[in-house]
N, C-alpha and C. Protein backbone atom coordinates (compact mmCIF):
# COMPACT_ATOMS: atom_id res chain seq x y z
N MET A 1 -7.81 13.36 9.33
CA MET A 1 -8.16 12.27 9.16
C MET A 1 -6.17 11.70 9.26
N ALA A 2 -6.07 10.78 10.58
CA ALA A 2 -4.68 10.01 10.59
C ALA A 2 -4.35 9.31 9.46
N LYS A 3 -3.35 9.05 8.56
CA LYS A 3 -3.30 8.10 7.56
C LYS A 3 -3.05 7.14 8.55
N ARG A 4 -3.58 5.80 7.53
CA ARG A 4 -3.22 4.44 9.45
C ARG A 4 -2.81 2.93 8.04
N PRO A 5 -1.86 2.26 8.57
CA PRO A 5 -1.21 1.15 7.57
C PRO A 5 -1.96 0.44 7.21
N ALA A 6 -1.74 -0.95 6.35
CA ALA A 6 -2.49 -1.27 6.41
C ALA A 6 -1.61 -2.40 5.25
N ILE A 7 -1.68 -3.83 5.17
CA ILE A 7 -1.93 -5.15 4.74
C ILE A 7 -2.09 -5.02 3.38
N PHE A 8 -1.06 -5.14 2.63
CA PHE A 8 -1.38 -5.16 1.19
C PHE A 8 -1.20 -6.56 1.15
N LEU A 9 -1.55 -7.27 -0.36
CA LEU A 9 -1.69 -8.68 -0.46
C LEU A 9 -1.71 -9.20 -1.70
N ASP A 10 -0.95 -9.75 -3.10
CA ASP A 10 -1.00 -10.21 -3.77
C ASP A 10 -2.21 -11.62 -3.72
N ARG A 11 -2.84 -11.75 -4.54
CA ARG A 11 -3.92 -13.00 -4.40
C ARG A 11 -3.93 -14.12 -4.81
N ASP A 12 -3.56 -14.61 -6.32
CA ASP A 12 -3.02 -15.65 -7.29
C ASP A 12 -1.72 -16.46 -6.11
N ASP A 13 -1.91 -17.46 -5.26
CA ASP A 13 -0.80 -18.44 -4.50
C ASP A 13 -0.45 -17.41 -3.06
N THR A 14 -1.19 -16.44 -2.81
CA THR A 14 -1.06 -15.57 -1.62
C THR A 14 -2.28 -16.38 -0.99
N LEU A 15 -3.03 -16.18 -1.32
CA LEU A 15 -4.16 -15.92 -0.53
C LEU A 15 -5.48 -17.12 -1.10
N ASN A 16 -5.67 -17.00 -2.74
CA ASN A 16 -6.23 -18.55 -3.65
C ASN A 16 -5.02 -19.65 -3.82
N LEU A 17 -5.42 -20.29 -4.01
CA LEU A 17 -5.36 -21.56 -5.28
C LEU A 17 -5.04 -21.41 -6.80
N ASP A 18 -3.39 -21.18 -6.68
CA ASP A 18 -3.43 -20.86 -8.36
C ASP A 18 -3.40 -21.65 -9.46
N GLU A 19 -4.66 -21.83 -10.09
CA GLU A 19 -5.22 -22.93 -10.73
C GLU A 19 -4.31 -22.33 -12.15
N GLY A 20 -4.01 -21.34 -12.63
CA GLY A 20 -3.32 -20.48 -14.11
C GLY A 20 -4.29 -20.06 -14.17
N TYR A 21 -3.73 -18.45 -14.35
CA TYR A 21 -5.20 -17.99 -14.68
C TYR A 21 -6.58 -18.00 -14.65
N THR A 22 -6.71 -18.45 -12.86
CA THR A 22 -7.39 -18.65 -11.75
C THR A 22 -8.79 -17.54 -12.13
N GLN A 23 -10.00 -18.35 -12.43
CA GLN A 23 -11.21 -16.92 -12.46
C GLN A 23 -11.92 -17.66 -12.39
N LYS A 24 -12.74 -18.97 -12.48
CA LYS A 24 -13.81 -19.62 -12.66
C LYS A 24 -13.79 -20.06 -10.85
N ILE A 25 -14.68 -19.19 -10.46
CA ILE A 25 -15.47 -19.69 -8.83
C ILE A 25 -15.29 -20.95 -8.83
N SER A 26 -14.88 -22.21 -9.65
CA SER A 26 -15.51 -23.51 -8.64
C SER A 26 -14.07 -23.67 -8.87
N ASP A 27 -12.86 -22.72 -9.42
CA ASP A 27 -11.37 -23.59 -8.78
C ASP A 27 -10.87 -22.38 -7.53
N PHE A 28 -12.20 -22.17 -6.76
CA PHE A 28 -11.57 -20.81 -5.26
C PHE A 28 -11.42 -21.74 -4.72
N GLY A 29 -10.08 -22.15 -3.89
CA GLY A 29 -9.66 -21.90 -2.68
C GLY A 29 -8.72 -21.23 -2.09
N TRP A 30 -8.61 -21.76 -0.81
CA TRP A 30 -7.70 -21.00 0.01
C TRP A 30 -6.37 -21.54 0.08
N ILE A 31 -5.05 -21.07 0.16
CA ILE A 31 -3.52 -21.25 0.44
C ILE A 31 -4.04 -21.37 1.85
N LYS A 32 -2.99 -22.44 2.11
CA LYS A 32 -2.33 -22.65 3.87
C LYS A 32 -2.43 -21.37 4.51
N GLY A 33 -3.26 -21.90 5.69
CA GLY A 33 -3.40 -20.53 6.36
C GLY A 33 -3.72 -18.93 6.14
N ALA A 34 -4.70 -18.89 4.76
CA ALA A 34 -4.96 -17.55 4.93
C ALA A 34 -6.20 -16.97 5.44
N PRO A 35 -6.93 -18.15 5.53
CA PRO A 35 -8.83 -17.97 6.40
C PRO A 35 -7.98 -17.67 8.24
N GLU A 36 -7.06 -18.07 8.15
CA GLU A 36 -6.38 -17.43 9.93
C GLU A 36 -5.26 -15.77 9.79
N ALA A 37 -5.32 -15.84 8.61
CA ALA A 37 -3.80 -15.10 8.18
C ALA A 37 -5.05 -13.38 8.10
N LEU A 38 -5.88 -13.56 7.37
CA LEU A 38 -7.24 -12.71 6.86
C LEU A 38 -8.27 -12.82 8.60
N ARG A 39 -8.27 -13.18 9.60
CA ARG A 39 -8.60 -13.48 10.34
C ARG A 39 -7.75 -12.53 11.38
N LEU A 40 -6.93 -13.10 11.84
CA LEU A 40 -5.98 -12.03 12.39
C LEU A 40 -5.70 -10.91 11.95
N PHE A 41 -5.34 -10.34 10.84
CA PHE A 41 -5.24 -9.11 10.32
C PHE A 41 -6.54 -7.99 10.68
N LYS A 42 -7.43 -9.22 10.71
CA LYS A 42 -8.84 -7.98 10.83
C LYS A 42 -8.91 -7.70 12.28
N ASN A 43 -8.85 -8.17 12.97
CA ASN A 43 -8.76 -8.57 14.55
C ASN A 43 -7.98 -8.09 15.33
N ALA A 44 -6.58 -7.48 14.58
CA ALA A 44 -5.71 -6.25 14.78
C ALA A 44 -5.77 -5.48 14.28
N GLY A 45 -6.95 -5.29 13.58
CA GLY A 45 -7.46 -3.56 13.41
C GLY A 45 -6.52 -2.81 11.96
N LEU A 46 -6.57 -3.92 11.15
CA LEU A 46 -5.62 -3.84 9.75
C LEU A 46 -6.63 -3.77 8.97
N ASP A 47 -6.64 -2.93 8.34
CA ASP A 47 -7.54 -2.56 6.39
C ASP A 47 -6.57 -4.14 5.56
N VAL A 48 -7.09 -4.87 4.86
CA VAL A 48 -5.81 -5.73 4.17
C VAL A 48 -6.83 -5.49 2.35
N TYR A 49 -5.73 -4.93 1.94
CA TYR A 49 -5.55 -4.89 0.56
C TYR A 49 -5.06 -5.60 -0.41
N ILE A 50 -5.75 -6.11 -1.98
CA ILE A 50 -5.25 -7.22 -2.68
C ILE A 50 -4.65 -6.79 -3.35
N VAL A 51 -3.62 -6.81 -4.27
CA VAL A 51 -2.79 -5.95 -5.41
C VAL A 51 -2.63 -6.84 -6.40
N THR A 52 -3.26 -7.00 -7.28
CA THR A 52 -3.14 -8.75 -8.25
C THR A 52 -2.59 -8.30 -9.31
N ASN A 53 -1.39 -8.49 -10.52
CA ASN A 53 -1.83 -8.68 -12.10
C ASN A 53 -2.79 -9.46 -12.24
N GLN A 54 -3.28 -8.94 -13.52
CA GLN A 54 -4.85 -10.44 -14.47
C GLN A 54 -4.13 -9.91 -15.49
N GLY A 55 -3.08 -10.33 -15.59
CA GLY A 55 -2.81 -9.98 -17.20
C GLY A 55 -3.26 -10.89 -18.26
N GLY A 56 -3.85 -12.14 -17.83
CA GLY A 56 -4.96 -12.92 -18.46
C GLY A 56 -6.18 -12.54 -19.18
N ILE A 57 -5.95 -11.28 -18.58
CA ILE A 57 -7.50 -10.31 -19.28
C ILE A 57 -6.77 -9.60 -20.56
N GLY A 58 -5.56 -8.80 -20.82
CA GLY A 58 -4.79 -8.45 -21.72
C GLY A 58 -4.46 -9.58 -22.69
N ARG A 59 -4.42 -10.74 -22.07
CA ARG A 59 -3.92 -11.45 -22.90
C ARG A 59 -4.91 -12.45 -24.04
N GLY A 60 -6.32 -12.10 -23.10
CA GLY A 60 -7.65 -12.52 -23.96
C GLY A 60 -8.16 -13.68 -23.57
N ILE A 61 -7.77 -14.11 -22.50
CA ILE A 61 -7.50 -15.60 -22.25
C ILE A 61 -9.08 -15.51 -20.75
N PHE A 62 -8.79 -14.57 -20.41
CA PHE A 62 -10.87 -13.87 -19.50
C PHE A 62 -11.05 -12.89 -19.96
N THR A 63 -11.82 -12.44 -19.39
CA THR A 63 -12.87 -10.96 -19.43
C THR A 63 -12.25 -10.91 -17.52
N GLN A 64 -13.01 -8.88 -17.91
CA GLN A 64 -12.90 -8.23 -16.34
C GLN A 64 -14.30 -9.07 -15.94
N GLU A 65 -14.78 -9.09 -16.02
CA GLU A 65 -16.16 -9.25 -16.19
C GLU A 65 -15.43 -10.75 -14.91
N GLN A 66 -15.27 -11.51 -15.90
CA GLN A 66 -14.71 -12.99 -14.63
C GLN A 66 -13.87 -12.60 -13.41
N MET A 67 -13.37 -11.98 -14.15
CA MET A 67 -12.29 -11.19 -13.52
C MET A 67 -12.68 -10.72 -11.71
N GLN A 68 -14.02 -9.46 -12.27
CA GLN A 68 -14.82 -9.21 -11.05
C GLN A 68 -15.41 -10.40 -10.35
N ASN A 69 -16.17 -11.11 -10.95
CA ASN A 69 -16.37 -11.85 -10.39
C ASN A 69 -15.97 -13.01 -9.71
N PHE A 70 -15.01 -13.48 -9.74
CA PHE A 70 -14.19 -14.09 -9.04
C PHE A 70 -13.78 -13.43 -8.10
N ASN A 71 -13.12 -12.04 -7.70
CA ASN A 71 -12.97 -11.58 -6.65
C ASN A 71 -13.97 -10.69 -6.12
N ASP A 72 -15.36 -11.00 -6.01
CA ASP A 72 -16.66 -10.62 -5.60
C ASP A 72 -16.18 -11.67 -4.81
N HIS A 73 -16.37 -12.87 -5.60
CA HIS A 73 -16.08 -14.17 -4.38
C HIS A 73 -15.39 -14.33 -3.51
N LEU A 74 -13.89 -14.26 -3.85
CA LEU A 74 -13.19 -14.49 -2.66
C LEU A 74 -13.58 -13.46 -1.40
N CYS A 75 -13.89 -11.70 -2.05
CA CYS A 75 -14.12 -10.97 -1.11
C CYS A 75 -15.15 -11.06 -0.12
N ALA A 76 -16.66 -11.88 -0.43
CA ALA A 76 -17.46 -13.04 0.27
C ALA A 76 -16.84 -13.67 1.11
N GLU A 77 -16.19 -14.71 0.70
CA GLU A 77 -15.71 -15.64 1.18
C GLU A 77 -14.67 -15.47 2.27
N ALA A 78 -13.83 -14.53 1.49
CA ALA A 78 -13.07 -13.36 3.37
C ALA A 78 -14.27 -13.20 4.60
N ILE A 79 -14.94 -12.75 3.89
CA ILE A 79 -16.43 -12.11 5.26
C ILE A 79 -16.78 -13.61 5.73
N LYS A 80 -17.48 -14.80 5.47
CA LYS A 80 -17.71 -16.34 5.65
C LYS A 80 -16.69 -16.82 6.23
N ILE A 81 -15.56 -16.01 6.41
CA ILE A 81 -14.23 -17.03 7.54
C ILE A 81 -13.90 -15.73 8.31
N GLY A 82 -14.40 -14.58 8.84
CA GLY A 82 -14.22 -14.19 10.01
C GLY A 82 -13.41 -12.79 9.26
N GLY A 83 -12.67 -12.63 8.06
CA GLY A 83 -11.53 -11.54 7.45
C GLY A 83 -12.81 -10.35 6.88
N VAL A 84 -12.09 -9.50 6.60
CA VAL A 84 -12.23 -8.80 5.21
C VAL A 84 -11.19 -8.32 4.20
N ILE A 85 -11.52 -8.18 3.27
CA ILE A 85 -10.83 -7.24 2.47
C ILE A 85 -11.60 -6.20 1.54
N LYS A 86 -10.71 -5.32 2.11
CA LYS A 86 -11.63 -3.61 1.79
C LYS A 86 -11.57 -3.54 0.55
N ASP A 87 -10.63 -3.80 -0.32
CA ASP A 87 -10.39 -3.55 -1.69
C ASP A 87 -9.00 -4.25 -2.96
N VAL A 88 -9.54 -4.19 -3.57
CA VAL A 88 -8.73 -4.95 -4.94
C VAL A 88 -8.24 -4.24 -6.05
N ALA A 89 -7.08 -3.93 -5.85
CA ALA A 89 -6.53 -2.91 -6.81
C ALA A 89 -5.57 -4.10 -7.95
N TRP A 90 -6.09 -4.54 -9.54
CA TRP A 90 -5.94 -4.89 -10.40
C TRP A 90 -5.05 -4.38 -11.61
N CYS A 91 -4.54 -5.02 -12.94
CA CYS A 91 -4.37 -4.65 -13.69
C CYS A 91 -4.39 -5.49 -14.80
N PRO A 92 -4.84 -5.40 -16.12
CA PRO A 92 -4.53 -6.13 -16.76
C PRO A 92 -4.09 -6.29 -17.75
N HIS A 93 -2.67 -5.69 -17.83
CA HIS A 93 -1.46 -5.43 -19.02
C HIS A 93 -0.61 -6.69 -18.80
N HIS A 94 -0.49 -6.88 -19.83
CA HIS A 94 0.73 -8.10 -20.31
C HIS A 94 2.17 -7.60 -21.54
N PRO A 95 2.77 -8.01 -21.25
CA PRO A 95 3.87 -8.09 -22.75
C PRO A 95 3.15 -8.47 -23.64
N LEU A 96 2.37 -9.70 -23.67
CA LEU A 96 1.94 -10.60 -25.00
C LEU A 96 0.85 -10.40 -24.98
N ALA A 97 -0.04 -9.06 -24.31
CA ALA A 97 -1.62 -8.87 -24.68
C ALA A 97 -1.80 -8.73 -25.96
N VAL A 98 -3.06 -9.13 -26.60
CA VAL A 98 -3.55 -9.16 -27.93
C VAL A 98 -4.08 -7.55 -27.96
N ASP A 99 -4.02 -7.03 -27.09
CA ASP A 99 -4.43 -5.60 -27.40
C ASP A 99 -3.67 -5.09 -27.40
N PRO A 100 -2.54 -3.77 -27.75
CA PRO A 100 -1.39 -3.14 -27.90
C PRO A 100 -2.35 -2.47 -26.64
N ALA A 101 -2.75 -2.02 -26.73
CA ALA A 101 -3.38 -0.73 -25.42
C ALA A 101 -2.46 -1.90 -24.49
N LEU A 102 -3.08 -2.97 -24.30
CA LEU A 102 -2.68 -3.36 -22.80
C LEU A 102 -0.87 -4.03 -22.63
N ALA A 103 -0.99 -4.11 -23.60
CA ALA A 103 0.72 -4.77 -24.10
C ALA A 103 2.18 -3.71 -23.89
N GLY A 104 1.69 -2.68 -23.31
CA GLY A 104 2.97 -1.99 -23.06
C GLY A 104 2.88 -1.80 -21.99
N PRO A 105 4.30 -0.81 -21.46
CA PRO A 105 4.51 -0.34 -19.96
C PRO A 105 3.39 -0.21 -19.39
N CYS A 106 3.09 0.05 -18.28
CA CYS A 106 2.44 -0.11 -16.92
C CYS A 106 3.14 -0.36 -15.66
N ASP A 107 3.18 0.94 -15.00
CA ASP A 107 3.25 1.47 -13.60
C ASP A 107 2.39 0.76 -12.61
N HIS A 108 1.84 0.11 -13.29
CA HIS A 108 0.18 -0.30 -11.91
C HIS A 108 0.53 -2.29 -11.95
N ARG A 109 1.50 -2.59 -13.11
CA ARG A 109 1.74 -4.01 -13.35
C ARG A 109 3.00 -3.74 -12.44
N LYS A 110 2.65 -5.25 -11.06
CA LYS A 110 3.93 -5.31 -10.38
C LYS A 110 5.33 -6.25 -11.39
N PRO A 111 6.38 -5.40 -11.18
CA PRO A 111 6.84 -5.00 -10.36
C PRO A 111 6.68 -3.34 -9.99
N GLY A 112 5.81 -2.31 -10.40
CA GLY A 112 5.79 -1.17 -10.42
C GLY A 112 4.81 -0.85 -9.46
N PRO A 113 4.76 -0.30 -8.64
CA PRO A 113 4.28 0.13 -7.37
C PRO A 113 3.00 1.40 -7.69
N GLY A 114 2.32 1.31 -9.21
CA GLY A 114 1.34 1.64 -8.47
C GLY A 114 -0.73 1.69 -8.62
N MET A 115 -0.48 -0.27 -8.04
CA MET A 115 -1.54 -0.06 -7.82
C MET A 115 -1.41 0.00 -6.49
N ILE A 116 -0.61 -0.06 -4.97
CA ILE A 116 -0.21 0.10 -4.41
C ILE A 116 -0.28 1.54 -3.66
N LEU A 117 0.50 2.22 -4.87
CA LEU A 117 -0.11 3.67 -4.65
C LEU A 117 -1.07 4.13 -4.81
N GLY A 118 -2.17 3.48 -5.53
CA GLY A 118 -3.58 4.14 -6.15
C GLY A 118 -4.46 3.80 -4.87
N LEU A 119 -4.12 2.81 -3.96
CA LEU A 119 -4.98 2.39 -2.89
C LEU A 119 -4.58 3.21 -1.56
N ALA A 120 -3.33 3.87 -1.26
CA ALA A 120 -2.75 4.61 -0.40
C ALA A 120 -3.35 6.15 -0.84
N LYS A 121 -3.57 6.51 -1.58
CA LYS A 121 -4.19 8.05 -2.24
C LYS A 121 -5.56 7.87 -1.87
N LYS A 122 -6.72 6.25 -2.72
CA LYS A 122 -7.96 6.49 -2.48
C LYS A 122 -8.18 6.51 -0.64
N TRP A 123 -7.80 5.19 0.22
CA TRP A 123 -7.53 4.78 1.12
C TRP A 123 -6.50 6.03 2.27
N ASP A 124 -5.83 6.87 2.11
CA ASP A 124 -5.42 7.60 3.26
C ASP A 124 -4.32 6.55 3.65
N ILE A 125 -3.34 5.85 3.57
CA ILE A 125 -2.91 4.95 4.37
C ILE A 125 -1.13 5.45 4.29
N ASP A 126 -0.82 4.98 5.37
CA ASP A 126 0.65 5.23 5.71
C ASP A 126 1.57 4.04 5.01
N LEU A 127 2.10 4.34 4.06
CA LEU A 127 2.72 3.10 3.48
C LEU A 127 3.88 2.81 4.11
N GLY A 128 4.53 3.86 4.66
CA GLY A 128 5.72 3.69 5.17
C GLY A 128 5.29 2.70 6.52
N SER A 129 4.07 2.50 7.15
CA SER A 129 3.92 1.72 7.82
C SER A 129 3.24 0.35 7.87
N SER A 130 2.67 -0.03 6.52
CA SER A 130 2.37 -0.62 6.08
C SER A 130 2.81 -2.31 5.50
N VAL A 131 2.56 -2.83 5.36
CA VAL A 131 3.14 -4.14 4.97
C VAL A 131 2.95 -5.06 3.50
N MET A 132 3.20 -5.17 2.56
CA MET A 132 3.30 -5.92 0.82
C MET A 132 3.62 -7.29 1.11
N ILE A 133 2.81 -8.20 0.79
CA ILE A 133 2.87 -9.48 1.27
C ILE A 133 2.90 -10.53 -0.27
N GLY A 134 3.74 -11.24 -0.88
CA GLY A 134 3.61 -12.13 -1.73
C GLY A 134 4.14 -13.31 -2.41
N ASP A 135 4.14 -13.98 -3.17
CA ASP A 135 4.83 -14.92 -3.62
C ASP A 135 5.43 -14.42 -4.24
N ARG A 136 5.91 -13.75 -4.92
CA ARG A 136 6.71 -13.74 -6.20
C ARG A 136 7.24 -12.82 -5.62
N ASP A 137 8.64 -12.84 -6.51
CA ASP A 137 10.03 -11.22 -6.58
C ASP A 137 9.53 -10.21 -6.77
N THR A 138 8.32 -9.73 -8.01
CA THR A 138 8.24 -8.40 -8.39
C THR A 138 7.10 -7.84 -7.17
N ASP A 139 6.20 -8.94 -6.18
CA ASP A 139 5.21 -8.49 -5.10
C ASP A 139 6.32 -7.78 -4.58
N VAL A 140 7.31 -8.38 -3.93
CA VAL A 140 8.58 -7.84 -3.05
C VAL A 140 8.69 -6.28 -3.27
N ALA A 141 8.86 -6.25 -5.03
CA ALA A 141 9.78 -5.33 -5.23
C ALA A 141 8.69 -4.23 -5.56
N ALA A 142 7.04 -4.66 -5.57
CA ALA A 142 6.45 -3.46 -5.74
C ALA A 142 6.45 -2.73 -4.64
N GLY A 143 5.35 -3.48 -3.28
CA GLY A 143 5.55 -2.95 -1.88
C GLY A 143 6.93 -1.96 -1.63
N ARG A 144 8.34 -2.58 -1.78
CA ARG A 144 9.49 -1.59 -1.50
C ARG A 144 9.23 -0.43 -2.68
N ALA A 145 9.08 -0.59 -3.74
CA ALA A 145 9.00 1.18 -4.54
C ALA A 145 8.22 1.66 -4.04
N ALA A 146 7.00 1.39 -3.47
CA ALA A 146 5.81 2.13 -3.11
C ALA A 146 6.26 2.87 -1.29
N GLY A 147 7.39 1.71 -1.00
CA GLY A 147 7.68 2.77 0.64
C GLY A 147 7.19 2.17 1.61
N CYS A 148 6.61 0.85 1.64
CA CYS A 148 6.28 -0.17 2.46
C CYS A 148 7.13 -1.19 2.67
N HIS A 149 7.40 -2.02 3.90
CA HIS A 149 8.10 -3.13 4.08
C HIS A 149 7.26 -4.43 3.59
N ALA A 150 8.15 -5.38 2.70
CA ALA A 150 7.47 -6.27 1.70
C ALA A 150 8.35 -7.91 2.29
N TYR A 151 7.11 -8.70 2.20
CA TYR A 151 7.80 -10.08 2.43
C TYR A 151 7.43 -11.19 1.14
N LEU A 152 8.36 -11.71 0.95
CA LEU A 152 8.29 -13.37 -0.02
C LEU A 152 7.87 -14.24 1.13
N PHE A 153 6.30 -15.11 0.08
CA PHE A 153 5.97 -15.53 1.10
C PHE A 153 6.07 -16.98 0.42
N ASP A 154 6.59 -17.67 1.29
CA ASP A 154 6.72 -19.21 0.56
C ASP A 154 5.90 -20.43 0.45
N GLY A 155 4.46 -20.21 0.55
CA GLY A 155 3.69 -20.79 0.06
C GLY A 155 3.60 -21.91 1.15
N THR A 156 3.91 -22.01 2.08
CA THR A 156 4.08 -23.27 3.50
C THR A 156 2.29 -22.59 4.47
N ASP A 157 2.25 -21.67 4.93
CA ASP A 157 1.43 -21.27 5.54
C ASP A 157 1.71 -19.80 5.63
N LEU A 158 0.16 -19.72 5.35
CA LEU A 158 0.69 -17.88 5.11
C LEU A 158 -0.25 -16.94 7.42
N GLU A 159 -0.38 -17.95 7.96
CA GLU A 159 -0.54 -17.78 8.97
C GLU A 159 0.39 -17.47 9.81
N THR A 160 1.12 -18.86 9.87
CA THR A 160 2.51 -18.12 10.55
C THR A 160 3.12 -16.64 9.69
N LEU A 161 3.67 -16.68 9.01
CA LEU A 161 4.12 -15.19 8.36
C LEU A 161 3.48 -14.00 8.78
N ALA A 162 2.00 -14.33 8.86
CA ALA A 162 1.17 -13.37 9.22
C ALA A 162 1.50 -12.43 10.55
N ARG A 163 1.19 -13.81 11.25
CA ARG A 163 1.67 -13.90 12.58
C ARG A 163 3.03 -12.86 13.10
N TYR A 164 3.89 -13.51 12.41
CA TYR A 164 5.12 -13.22 12.37
C TYR A 164 5.32 -11.08 11.84
N VAL A 165 4.43 -10.80 11.05
CA VAL A 165 4.33 -9.92 10.77
C VAL A 165 3.60 -8.71 11.60
N LEU A 166 2.51 -9.36 12.05
CA LEU A 166 1.73 -8.46 12.90
C LEU A 166 2.47 -8.37 14.62
N THR A 167 3.72 -9.40 14.91
CA THR A 167 4.84 -9.65 15.65
C THR A 167 5.49 -8.51 15.89
N THR A 168 6.15 -8.33 14.34
CA THR A 168 7.50 -7.44 13.83
C THR A 168 6.56 -6.03 13.78
N HIS A 169 6.00 -5.79 12.63
CA HIS A 169 5.85 -4.29 12.31
C HIS A 169 4.61 -3.80 12.95
N PHE A 170 3.54 -4.90 14.08
CA PHE A 170 2.57 -4.29 14.55
C PHE A 170 2.20 -4.27 16.54
N PRO A 171 3.14 -4.41 16.85
CA PRO A 171 3.26 -5.10 18.41
C PRO A 171 2.16 -4.79 18.61
N ASN A 172 1.22 -3.29 18.67
CA ASN A 172 0.38 -2.92 19.57
C ASN A 172 -0.23 -3.46 19.06
N ASN A 173 -0.49 -3.07 17.68
CA ASN A 173 -2.32 -3.79 17.48
C ASN A 173 -2.71 -5.19 17.74
N VAL A 174 -1.61 -6.29 18.26
CA VAL A 174 -1.77 -7.93 17.96
C VAL A 174 -2.01 -8.36 19.74
N ILE A 175 -3.14 -8.81 19.20
CA ILE A 175 -4.62 -9.21 20.39
C ILE A 175 -3.66 -10.38 21.32
N SER A 176 -3.70 -10.36 22.42
CA SER A 176 -3.13 -11.40 23.03
C SER A 176 -3.25 -13.12 22.75
N SER A 177 -4.56 -12.97 22.75
CA SER A 177 -5.17 -14.29 22.60
C SER A 177 -5.55 -14.56 21.04
N GLN A 178 -4.73 -13.99 20.48
CA GLN A 178 -4.72 -14.82 18.83
C GLN A 178 -4.36 -15.89 19.01
């Protein structure tokens, strides 16, 4: 099977509004243009993956179960709006973790590329043809370290950036009626 390109997205303040260690489903809300971006990527035949630092787990602010429930809700909401999130990778490490095992350096915590590399291996992704989008320099650094094209999202409208990414990197995948 040939490797396929993919879209990697940060979660908080890229797809969903960040309420500060957002984990309550009641706090869920889309960033402007996120539903449209997810639909555009799906219609272009591109798989979407989330790569997200979840240091709140290491810091003891929320549990892995709470994070998983929020991620499950996010993925279900993506389907409701006509998009798909194929998989979510997350890292619980944080330098201020209460558990020393989660405080040390970790290749998966962005800016490390570990989450992206792990998804690429699991799903047979062509990283050189893939794109990482996130709202922090660490997201861009992780994407570049993994060998992807990477874009810093300025928070204004994810649909606009998605259209640019599609026409720049995937012109053969763009559906003209979008």
